[in-house]
Amino acid sequence: MRESNEGHAGRVDVLLGLQWGDEGKGKVVDVLAKQYNVIARFQGGPNAGHSLVFGKEKFVLHTIPSGIFRKSVQNIVASGVVVDPVSFQQEVLQLQSTGVDLRSQLKLSRRAHLILPTHKLLDAFYEKQKGNQKIGSTLKGIGPTYTDKIARNGLRIGDVNLPNFKQKYEALKAHHLCIMGNEVDTTALAEAEKRWFEAIEVLKQYEFIDSEYLVNKYLSQGIDLLAEGAQGSMLDVDFGSYPFVTSSNTICAGACTGMGVAPRRIGRVYGIFKAYCTRVGAGPFPTELHDALGEKMRVQGQEFGATTGRPRRCGWLDMVALKYAIMLNGVTHLIMTKADVLSNFETIRVCTSYTIDGVASDHVPFAAEQEVGLVYRDFKGWQEDISTCKTYEELPAAFKEFMNYIEQETGVPIVIVSLGPDRDDTLIRSLA
C-alpha cells in the first residue's frame, strides 16, 4: 500500500453516477484507483455492469470493484451490496486469466446479502404481475433480495459458514415458493440450485470480513478510500423516478450506510455524467429522442446495456436532472464521459428547464407519469474528432463553450473528460 497520512484521519471519497446509470463509472474508478489504497463497492448488485477496456480487451464487472486491476489496491465488497454467488463465480473465471491476484486483493463483507435462485424467479414473477406497469427490471433478483433484507428474512454471506446454513436456505426458499404458488419450473430451479451451491464453495475461498471495522481502521490510520457506486442518482429508491428505480440508495448517503462510515468521513464526491443522457428500462425520460438523432447517439455511443445487452434510450443532456443529482450528492468534482460520441452532431441541445402545467419549473416532478414541457438551449457542435486530445488546450472552442456552460450552471468544475472507452482515452484537467 502507499504511505498513509499518519496522524491525520483518512477520508472516503465517493464516485457515483448522476443520471440513470451507465455513465462510465467502471473506467473512471480504474483511472482514479492509482491514487487510493482501498476501493469499496457500497450498494447494488450484479444488475450493475462496470465496463473497463485495456487496449483490445474488455472486462465487465458486476460485483467486484473496478479497482481490481491495480495490483496495489485492496478491493472490498461492502455490506450494502447484494451478491449473486453464480455471477461472482463467472467474474472470478473471467479475471483468472489476467494475472489479477484475487485472493489477496479482494475481501467480502459478512453482512452483504445473498441473492438466491428463487430471488430471480420472484423478480420475474413480480414483473409479470405488474402487467403494463413493468419497471424494466434486469431480473437479476436485486429487488426481492433487498425486500428480504428489509423484511429481516435475508441470508448473508457470513451465514454460509454457520452449521444451520442449509436449513436457513430451505426456509427462505419455502417462503418464496409459497408466494409464487404453482408458477415455478421445479426442474429448472433444481439445476439453478446446483450451480448456486457450487458457486457458494467458490465464494468461501475468499476472505469474509467485518468490513465496517476494517474500513474505519484504514481511516484511523490516515488511509483514504474510494467508494464506488452503482446505477445512478436518478435511480435512487428514495429520490429517483419512483417507482422506476433500483432497490438501494445510489446517492452519496448510501456510501455511509453501505460501508458503515460516519458522514463526516466523506471527502470528495465525484459525480459522473454523460454529455447526453441514456436510460435502460421503463420510466420517465424527458429529453428522450425517438428519431434519427436518438438512433445516431445509440449507434455511435454503442449504447447497449453491459449487463442485459438491451438497447438504451438516448436523449439530450438534462440540466434540471443534473442539478438535482448534484444537490442530492453534494458533488465537488464533475466528470464528463462520452463527449466524443457527439463529435459529428451539427447542433448540441441541452434542456435548461421544464414547464409543468404551463408554469416554468427547475424541479424534478414528484410523479413519474407527470407530463413536462422542455426548454432547450442550442450549442454549436464541435464536428471534429476529439478522442485524441490529451490537454484542455487541444479541445475545440465549441466544446469548451459547452463545458463552460455546464460548469457555470452547476457551480462545480469538470475535472476529467473521458474521450473513449480505454483507460488512456482520458483527459485529466485537475484533481486538486
Protein backbone atom coordinates (compact mmCIF):
# COMPACT_ATOMS: atom_id res chain seq x y z
CA MET A 1 0.00 0.00 0.00
CA ARG A 2 1.01 3.60 -0.49
CA GLU A 3 2.13 5.53 2.56
CA SER A 4 -0.66 6.62 4.89
CA ASN A 5 -1.05 10.05 6.40
CA GLU A 6 -0.09 9.12 9.97
CA GLY A 7 -1.69 11.45 12.49
CA HIS A 8 -4.41 12.52 10.06
CA ALA A 9 -7.77 10.81 9.68
CA GLY A 10 -8.36 9.32 6.26
CA ARG A 11 -11.35 10.24 4.16
CA VAL A 12 -13.86 8.43 1.98
CA ASP A 13 -14.08 9.92 -1.48
CA VAL A 14 -17.23 8.82 -3.30
CA LEU A 15 -17.66 8.20 -7.02
CA LEU A 16 -21.20 7.84 -8.32
CA GLY A 17 -23.43 8.33 -11.35
CA LEU A 18 -25.58 11.43 -11.73
CA GLN A 19 -28.03 10.14 -14.32
CA TRP A 20 -29.83 6.81 -14.81
CA GLY A 21 -26.71 4.65 -14.66
CA ASP A 22 -24.31 3.60 -17.44
CA GLU A 23 -22.31 6.83 -17.08
CA GLY A 24 -18.92 5.10 -17.30
CA LYS A 25 -18.13 4.61 -13.61
CA GLY A 26 -16.01 1.48 -14.06
CA LYS A 27 -13.48 3.11 -16.33
CA VAL A 28 -13.18 6.21 -14.14
CA VAL A 29 -12.73 4.15 -10.95
CA ASP A 30 -9.86 2.35 -12.69
CA VAL A 31 -8.32 5.69 -13.70
CA LEU A 32 -8.62 7.11 -10.17
CA ALA A 33 -7.64 3.87 -8.40
CA LYS A 34 -3.90 4.54 -8.60
CA GLN A 35 -4.45 7.38 -6.09
CA TYR A 36 -6.05 5.12 -3.47
CA ASN A 37 -5.12 2.16 -1.32
CA VAL A 38 -8.66 0.85 -1.00
CA ILE A 39 -11.72 0.72 -3.30
CA ALA A 40 -15.10 -0.39 -1.93
CA ARG A 41 -18.42 -1.10 -3.65
CA PHE A 42 -21.12 0.19 -1.31
CA GLN A 43 -24.51 -0.80 -2.83
CA GLY A 44 -26.25 -2.53 -5.71
CA GLY A 45 -25.50 -5.93 -7.15
CA PRO A 46 -24.98 -7.75 -10.45
CA ASN A 47 -27.58 -5.53 -12.12
CA ALA A 48 -24.64 -3.12 -12.43
CA GLY A 49 -22.21 -3.56 -15.30
CA HIS A 50 -18.99 -1.58 -14.99
CA SER A 51 -17.01 -1.83 -18.24
CA LEU A 52 -13.24 -1.49 -18.45
CA VAL A 53 -11.23 -1.52 -21.68
CA PHE A 54 -7.47 -2.05 -21.85
CA GLY A 55 -6.21 -2.00 -25.44
CA LYS A 56 -8.26 -4.64 -27.22
CA GLU A 57 -9.52 -6.36 -24.07
CA LYS A 58 -12.86 -5.54 -22.46
CA PHE A 59 -13.98 -6.61 -19.00
CA VAL A 60 -17.39 -6.14 -17.42
CA LEU A 61 -17.51 -6.25 -13.63
CA HIS A 62 -20.84 -6.75 -11.86
CA THR A 63 -19.87 -7.19 -8.21
CA ILE A 64 -16.09 -6.95 -7.90
CA PRO A 65 -14.90 -3.34 -7.50
CA SER A 66 -13.31 -1.69 -10.54
CA GLY A 67 -10.00 -1.16 -8.75
CA ILE A 68 -9.19 -4.86 -9.07
CA PHE A 69 -6.80 -4.30 -11.99
CA ARG A 70 -4.50 -2.10 -9.87
CA LYS A 71 -2.19 -4.52 -8.05
CA SER A 72 -1.52 -2.28 -5.05
CA VAL A 73 -5.21 -1.67 -4.34
CA GLN A 74 -7.33 -3.55 -1.77
CA ASN A 75 -10.89 -4.11 -3.03
CA ILE A 76 -13.86 -4.56 -0.69
CA VAL A 77 -17.42 -5.65 -1.39
CA ALA A 78 -19.13 -3.82 1.47
CA SER A 79 -22.28 -4.61 3.44
CA GLY A 80 -24.70 -2.63 1.27
CA VAL A 81 -24.06 -4.83 -1.77
CA VAL A 82 -26.18 -7.87 -2.67
CA VAL A 83 -24.14 -10.77 -4.05
CA ASP A 84 -25.13 -13.48 -6.50
CA PRO A 85 -22.61 -16.33 -6.00
CA VAL A 86 -23.09 -17.59 -9.57
CA SER A 87 -22.42 -14.15 -11.08
CA PHE A 88 -19.45 -13.77 -8.72
CA GLN A 89 -18.03 -17.11 -9.86
CA GLN A 90 -18.33 -16.05 -13.50
CA GLU A 91 -16.42 -12.84 -12.77
CA VAL A 92 -13.71 -14.81 -10.99
CA LEU A 93 -13.30 -17.10 -14.02
CA GLN A 94 -13.12 -14.08 -16.32
CA LEU A 95 -10.37 -12.48 -14.24
CA GLN A 96 -8.26 -15.58 -13.60
CA SER A 97 -6.53 -15.29 -16.98
CA THR A 98 -5.44 -11.69 -16.35
CA GLY A 99 -2.91 -12.31 -13.60
CA VAL A 100 -5.01 -10.47 -11.01
CA ASP A 101 -4.36 -11.88 -7.52
CA LEU A 102 -7.99 -12.02 -6.49
CA ARG A 103 -7.42 -13.91 -3.24
CA SER A 104 -5.21 -11.19 -1.79
CA GLN A 105 -6.84 -8.15 -3.42
CA LEU A 106 -10.50 -8.88 -2.68
CA LYS A 107 -12.43 -9.11 0.59
CA LEU A 108 -16.16 -9.62 1.13
CA SER A 109 -18.34 -8.25 3.92
CA ARG A 110 -20.02 -10.88 6.06
CA ARG A 111 -23.07 -8.61 6.21
CA ALA A 112 -23.63 -8.43 2.43
CA HIS A 113 -26.84 -10.24 1.47
CA LEU A 114 -27.01 -13.23 -0.85
CA ILE A 115 -29.16 -13.47 -3.97
CA LEU A 116 -30.85 -16.89 -4.06
CA PRO A 117 -32.08 -18.69 -7.21
CA THR A 118 -35.65 -18.08 -6.03
CA HIS A 119 -34.96 -14.34 -5.77
CA LYS A 120 -34.52 -14.30 -9.55
CA LEU A 121 -37.75 -16.25 -10.01
CA LEU A 122 -39.53 -13.79 -7.74
CA ASP A 123 -38.15 -10.89 -9.76
CA ALA A 124 -39.72 -12.28 -12.93
CA PHE A 125 -42.92 -13.19 -11.05
CA TYR A 126 -43.38 -9.67 -9.67
CA GLU A 127 -42.61 -8.08 -13.04
CA LYS A 128 -45.23 -10.29 -14.69
CA GLN A 129 -47.80 -9.27 -12.05
CA LYS A 130 -47.32 -5.60 -12.97
CA GLY A 131 -48.75 -6.14 -16.45
CA ASN A 132 -48.41 -2.92 -18.44
CA GLN A 133 -46.74 -1.15 -15.49
CA LYS A 134 -43.48 -3.09 -15.71
CA ILE A 135 -40.45 -1.44 -14.11
CA GLY A 136 -37.98 -2.83 -16.63
CA SER A 137 -36.14 -4.95 -14.07
CA THR A 138 -32.87 -6.66 -15.06
CA LEU A 139 -34.39 -9.82 -13.49
CA LYS A 140 -31.19 -10.41 -11.50
CA GLY A 141 -33.09 -10.84 -8.23
CA ILE A 142 -31.95 -7.50 -6.82
CA GLY A 143 -35.32 -6.14 -5.68
CA PRO A 144 -36.52 -9.34 -3.95
CA THR A 145 -33.15 -9.66 -2.17
CA TYR A 146 -33.36 -6.13 -0.79
CA THR A 147 -37.01 -6.83 0.10
CA ASP A 148 -35.95 -9.81 2.22
CA LYS A 149 -33.20 -7.70 3.77
CA ILE A 150 -35.67 -5.04 4.90
CA ALA A 151 -38.22 -7.68 5.96
CA ARG A 152 -35.47 -9.32 8.07
CA ASN A 153 -35.68 -12.60 6.17
CA GLY A 154 -32.45 -12.46 4.20
CA LEU A 155 -29.36 -14.67 4.08
CA ARG A 156 -25.96 -13.00 4.38
CA ILE A 157 -22.52 -14.05 3.22
CA GLY A 158 -21.46 -14.80 6.79
CA ASP A 159 -24.32 -17.30 7.08
CA VAL A 160 -22.61 -19.75 4.69
CA ASN A 161 -20.19 -20.76 7.46
CA LEU A 162 -22.91 -21.42 10.03
CA PRO A 163 -23.89 -25.04 10.78
CA ASN A 164 -27.56 -24.32 10.04
CA PHE A 165 -26.96 -22.54 6.71
CA LYS A 166 -28.76 -25.19 4.64
CA GLN A 167 -31.79 -25.07 6.93
CA LYS A 168 -31.91 -21.27 6.71
CA TYR A 169 -31.67 -21.54 2.92
CA GLU A 170 -34.51 -24.06 2.73
CA ALA A 171 -36.74 -21.93 4.97
CA LEU A 172 -36.29 -18.83 2.80
CA LYS A 173 -36.75 -20.86 -0.38
CA ALA A 174 -40.03 -22.28 1.00
CA HIS A 175 -41.20 -18.75 1.77
CA HIS A 176 -40.51 -17.71 -1.83
CA LEU A 177 -42.24 -20.77 -3.31
CA CYS A 178 -45.29 -20.06 -1.17
CA ILE A 179 -45.53 -16.58 -2.75
CA MET A 180 -45.24 -17.88 -6.32
CA GLY A 181 -47.55 -20.88 -5.94
CA ASN A 182 -47.52 -23.16 -8.98
CA GLU A 183 -45.62 -20.76 -11.28
CA VAL A 184 -42.24 -22.41 -10.72
CA ASP A 185 -40.41 -24.81 -13.02
CA THR A 186 -39.05 -27.15 -10.35
CA THR A 187 -36.64 -28.89 -12.73
CA ALA A 188 -35.04 -25.59 -13.79
CA LEU A 189 -34.92 -24.49 -10.15
CA ALA A 190 -33.10 -27.67 -9.12
CA GLU A 191 -30.49 -27.05 -11.82
CA ALA A 192 -30.08 -23.43 -10.72
CA GLU A 193 -29.68 -24.55 -7.09
CA LYS A 194 -26.93 -26.99 -8.06
CA ARG A 195 -24.98 -24.19 -9.77
CA TRP A 196 -25.66 -21.87 -6.82
CA PHE A 197 -24.27 -24.22 -4.17
CA GLU A 198 -21.22 -24.93 -6.35
CA ALA A 199 -20.68 -21.17 -6.57
CA ILE A 200 -21.04 -20.87 -2.78
CA GLU A 201 -17.93 -23.07 -2.48
CA VAL A 202 -16.05 -20.60 -4.72
CA LEU A 203 -17.29 -17.71 -2.59
CA LYS A 204 -15.98 -19.43 0.55
CA GLN A 205 -12.45 -19.35 -0.86
CA TYR A 206 -12.36 -15.58 -0.27
CA GLU A 207 -11.86 -13.76 3.00
CA PHE A 208 -15.05 -12.72 4.75
CA ILE A 209 -14.59 -9.63 6.91
CA ASP A 210 -16.41 -7.22 9.17
CA SER A 211 -15.97 -4.53 6.54
CA GLU A 212 -17.22 -1.69 8.76
CA TYR A 213 -14.37 -2.34 11.22
CA LEU A 214 -11.74 -2.70 8.50
CA VAL A 215 -12.83 0.44 6.65
CA ASN A 216 -12.79 2.53 9.82
CA LYS A 217 -9.42 1.06 10.80
CA TYR A 218 -8.00 2.24 7.47
CA LEU A 219 -9.46 5.70 8.06
CA SER A 220 -7.98 5.90 11.56
CA GLN A 221 -4.59 5.08 10.01
CA GLY A 222 -4.89 8.05 7.65
CA ILE A 223 -5.62 5.91 4.59
CA ASP A 224 -8.01 7.36 2.01
CA LEU A 225 -10.66 5.15 0.39
CA LEU A 226 -12.67 5.45 -2.81
CA ALA A 227 -16.29 4.32 -2.56
CA GLU A 228 -17.66 3.04 -5.88
CA GLY A 229 -21.37 3.46 -6.50
CA ALA A 230 -23.54 1.51 -8.92
CA GLN A 231 -26.51 2.55 -11.08
CA GLY A 232 -27.20 6.31 -10.95
CA SER A 233 -28.66 9.00 -8.71
CA MET A 234 -31.89 9.21 -10.71
CA LEU A 235 -32.49 5.54 -9.85
CA ASP A 236 -32.21 6.07 -6.09
CA VAL A 237 -35.04 4.28 -4.28
CA ASP A 238 -35.97 7.41 -2.31
CA PHE A 239 -35.11 10.29 -4.66
CA GLY A 240 -35.19 8.77 -8.13
CA SER A 241 -38.08 8.49 -10.60
CA TYR A 242 -40.11 6.20 -8.32
CA PRO A 243 -41.33 3.52 -8.89
CA PHE A 244 -38.99 3.17 -11.87
CA VAL A 245 -35.91 2.95 -9.66
CA THR A 246 -33.47 0.43 -8.25
CA SER A 247 -33.81 -1.02 -4.74
CA SER A 248 -30.94 0.73 -2.97
CA ASN A 249 -29.71 4.21 -2.14
CA THR A 250 -27.45 5.14 -5.05
CA ILE A 251 -26.69 8.64 -3.75
CA CYS A 252 -23.74 9.70 -1.58
CA ALA A 253 -25.60 8.97 1.67
CA GLY A 254 -25.72 5.33 0.58
CA ALA A 255 -21.95 5.15 0.94
CA CYS A 256 -22.29 5.85 4.66
CA THR A 257 -24.94 3.19 5.26
CA GLY A 258 -23.47 0.72 2.79
CA MET A 259 -19.97 0.86 4.27
CA GLY A 260 -20.63 1.79 7.88
CA VAL A 261 -18.82 5.14 7.92
CA ALA A 262 -19.82 8.42 9.51
CA PRO A 263 -20.94 11.30 7.24
CA ARG A 264 -18.04 13.45 8.48
CA ARG A 265 -15.65 10.98 6.85
CA ILE A 266 -16.89 11.87 3.35
CA GLY A 267 -14.39 13.96 1.39
CA ARG A 268 -14.59 14.49 -2.33
CA VAL A 269 -17.71 13.49 -4.22
CA TYR A 270 -17.01 12.69 -7.86
CA GLY A 271 -20.18 12.87 -9.96
CA ILE A 272 -20.11 11.24 -13.39
CA PHE A 273 -22.43 12.24 -16.22
CA LYS A 274 -22.62 11.67 -19.95
CA ALA A 275 -22.56 14.60 -22.37
CA TYR A 276 -26.05 13.35 -23.25
CA CYS A 277 -28.49 11.10 -21.38
CA THR A 278 -29.39 7.42 -21.57
CA ARG A 279 -31.75 5.15 -19.73
CA VAL A 280 -32.44 1.40 -19.75
CA GLY A 281 -35.89 0.05 -18.94
CA ALA A 282 -39.13 1.87 -18.27
CA GLY A 283 -39.64 5.20 -16.55
CA PRO A 284 -39.69 8.93 -17.29
CA PHE A 285 -37.00 10.34 -19.56
CA PRO A 286 -37.99 13.91 -20.53
CA THR A 287 -35.29 14.57 -23.14
CA GLU A 288 -35.55 11.17 -24.85
CA LEU A 289 -35.21 11.25 -28.64
CA HIS A 290 -37.43 8.97 -30.71
CA ASP A 291 -35.93 10.00 -34.04
CA ALA A 292 -32.83 9.50 -36.18
CA LEU A 293 -30.72 11.62 -33.81
CA GLY A 294 -31.53 9.30 -30.93
CA GLU A 295 -30.60 6.29 -33.03
CA LYS A 296 -27.39 8.03 -34.08
CA MET A 297 -26.45 8.51 -30.41
CA ARG A 298 -27.23 4.88 -29.68
CA VAL A 299 -25.12 3.54 -32.53
CA GLN A 300 -22.16 5.90 -32.16
CA GLY A 301 -22.16 5.53 -28.38
CA GLN A 302 -22.65 1.75 -28.54
CA GLU A 303 -25.49 2.25 -26.10
CA PHE A 304 -26.42 -1.28 -25.19
CA GLY A 305 -26.59 -2.46 -21.58
CA ALA A 306 -23.39 -4.02 -20.21
CA THR A 307 -25.47 -6.36 -18.05
CA THR A 308 -28.56 -7.08 -20.19
CA GLY A 309 -27.49 -6.09 -23.71
CA ARG A 310 -30.73 -4.12 -24.04
CA PRO A 311 -30.61 -1.02 -26.27
CA ARG A 312 -30.50 2.13 -24.16
CA ARG A 313 -32.91 5.01 -24.67
CA CYS A 314 -30.98 8.14 -25.69
CA GLY A 315 -31.62 11.87 -25.41
CA TRP A 316 -30.11 15.30 -24.81
CA LEU A 317 -28.44 16.41 -21.59
CA ASP A 318 -31.00 17.34 -18.93
CA MET A 319 -29.69 20.14 -16.69
CA VAL A 320 -32.72 20.02 -14.38
CA ALA A 321 -31.99 16.39 -13.51
CA LEU A 322 -28.23 17.00 -13.39
CA LYS A 323 -28.52 19.90 -10.94
CA TYR A 324 -30.90 17.84 -8.82
CA ALA A 325 -28.40 14.97 -8.61
CA ILE A 326 -25.53 17.36 -7.82
CA MET A 327 -27.61 18.84 -4.97
CA LEU A 328 -28.53 15.44 -3.51
CA ASN A 329 -24.94 14.24 -3.53
CA GLY A 330 -23.02 17.38 -2.62
CA VAL A 331 -20.85 16.85 -5.70
CA THR A 332 -17.45 18.54 -5.51
CA HIS A 333 -15.93 17.31 -8.80
CA LEU A 334 -17.68 16.59 -12.11
CA ILE A 335 -16.55 14.01 -14.64
CA MET A 336 -17.96 14.11 -18.17
CA THR A 337 -17.96 10.96 -20.29
CA LYS A 338 -18.79 10.12 -23.90
CA ALA A 339 -18.27 13.66 -25.23
CA ASP A 340 -16.58 12.03 -28.23
CA VAL A 341 -19.92 10.44 -29.23
CA LEU A 342 -21.32 13.90 -30.08
CA SER A 343 -18.34 14.85 -32.25
CA ASN A 344 -20.22 14.97 -35.55
CA PHE A 345 -23.52 16.46 -34.41
CA GLU A 346 -24.17 19.82 -36.06
CA THR A 347 -26.16 21.11 -33.07
CA ILE A 348 -25.95 20.02 -29.44
CA ARG A 349 -29.04 20.63 -27.32
CA VAL A 350 -29.34 21.00 -23.55
CA CYS A 351 -32.62 21.06 -21.62
CA THR A 352 -32.35 24.06 -19.30
CA SER A 353 -35.76 23.93 -17.57
CA TYR A 354 -39.20 22.32 -17.60
CA THR A 355 -42.70 23.66 -17.89
CA ILE A 356 -45.29 21.89 -15.73
CA ASP A 357 -48.94 22.78 -16.27
CA GLY A 358 -47.74 25.79 -18.25
CA VAL A 359 -45.51 27.08 -15.45
CA ALA A 360 -41.71 27.21 -15.71
CA SER A 361 -40.01 24.84 -13.25
CA ASP A 362 -36.50 23.81 -12.31
CA HIS A 363 -37.72 20.95 -10.09
CA VAL A 364 -37.85 17.26 -10.93
CA PRO A 365 -41.55 16.26 -10.81
CA PHE A 366 -42.88 14.12 -7.97
CA ALA A 367 -44.99 11.80 -10.12
CA ALA A 368 -43.33 9.62 -12.74
CA GLU A 369 -46.30 9.99 -15.09
CA GLN A 370 -46.39 13.79 -14.91
CA GLU A 371 -46.05 15.46 -18.30
CA VAL A 372 -43.35 18.13 -18.60
CA GLY A 373 -42.57 20.60 -21.35
CA LEU A 374 -38.94 21.23 -22.22
CA VAL A 375 -36.98 24.44 -22.68
CA TYR A 376 -33.81 23.93 -24.70
CA ARG A 377 -30.62 25.85 -25.34
CA ASP A 378 -28.72 25.02 -28.52
CA PHE A 379 -24.94 24.89 -28.85
CA LYS A 380 -22.86 24.71 -31.98
CA GLY A 381 -21.45 21.21 -32.44
CA TRP A 382 -17.69 20.75 -32.48
CA GLN A 383 -17.91 18.41 -35.50
CA GLU A 384 -14.39 17.11 -35.19
CA ASP A 385 -12.74 14.09 -33.61
CA ILE A 386 -11.77 14.95 -30.04
CA SER A 387 -10.82 11.41 -28.99
CA THR A 388 -7.10 12.08 -29.46
CA CYS A 389 -7.00 15.29 -27.38
CA LYS A 390 -4.67 15.00 -24.40
CA THR A 391 -4.93 18.50 -22.95
CA TYR A 392 -7.72 21.01 -22.36
CA GLU A 393 -5.99 23.42 -24.76
CA GLU A 394 -6.37 20.95 -27.64
CA LEU A 395 -10.15 20.80 -27.31
CA PRO A 396 -12.15 22.77 -29.92
CA ALA A 397 -13.67 26.10 -28.91
CA ALA A 398 -17.23 24.83 -29.38
CA PHE A 399 -16.64 22.01 -26.95
CA LYS A 400 -15.07 24.35 -24.40
CA GLU A 401 -18.15 26.57 -24.62
CA PHE A 402 -20.32 23.52 -23.88
CA MET A 403 -18.16 22.59 -20.89
CA ASN A 404 -18.01 26.13 -19.55
CA TYR A 405 -21.80 26.40 -19.66
CA ILE A 406 -22.19 23.25 -17.55
CA GLU A 407 -19.63 24.46 -15.02
CA GLN A 408 -21.26 27.87 -14.73
CA GLU A 409 -24.77 26.42 -14.34
CA THR A 410 -23.78 23.81 -11.75
CA GLY A 411 -21.04 25.72 -9.94
CA VAL A 412 -18.90 22.56 -9.98
CA PRO A 413 -15.69 22.10 -12.02
CA ILE A 414 -15.34 19.39 -14.65
CA VAL A 415 -12.05 17.78 -13.66
CA ILE A 416 -12.00 14.77 -16.00
CA VAL A 417 -13.27 14.33 -19.55
CA SER A 418 -13.50 10.79 -20.91
CA LEU A 419 -12.98 10.71 -24.68
CA GLY A 420 -13.21 6.99 -25.35
CA PRO A 421 -13.62 3.60 -23.65
CA ASP A 422 -9.93 2.85 -22.98
CA ARG A 423 -8.30 3.99 -19.72
CA ASP A 424 -5.84 6.01 -21.86
CA ASP A 425 -8.67 7.95 -23.53
CA THR A 426 -8.93 10.23 -20.53
CA LEU A 427 -8.21 13.93 -20.20
CA ILE A 428 -7.49 14.96 -16.62
CA ARG A 429 -7.69 18.71 -16.06
CA SER A 430 -7.13 18.82 -12.30
CA LEU A 431 -7.85 16.66 -9.28
CA ALA A 432 -6.85 19.28 -6.71
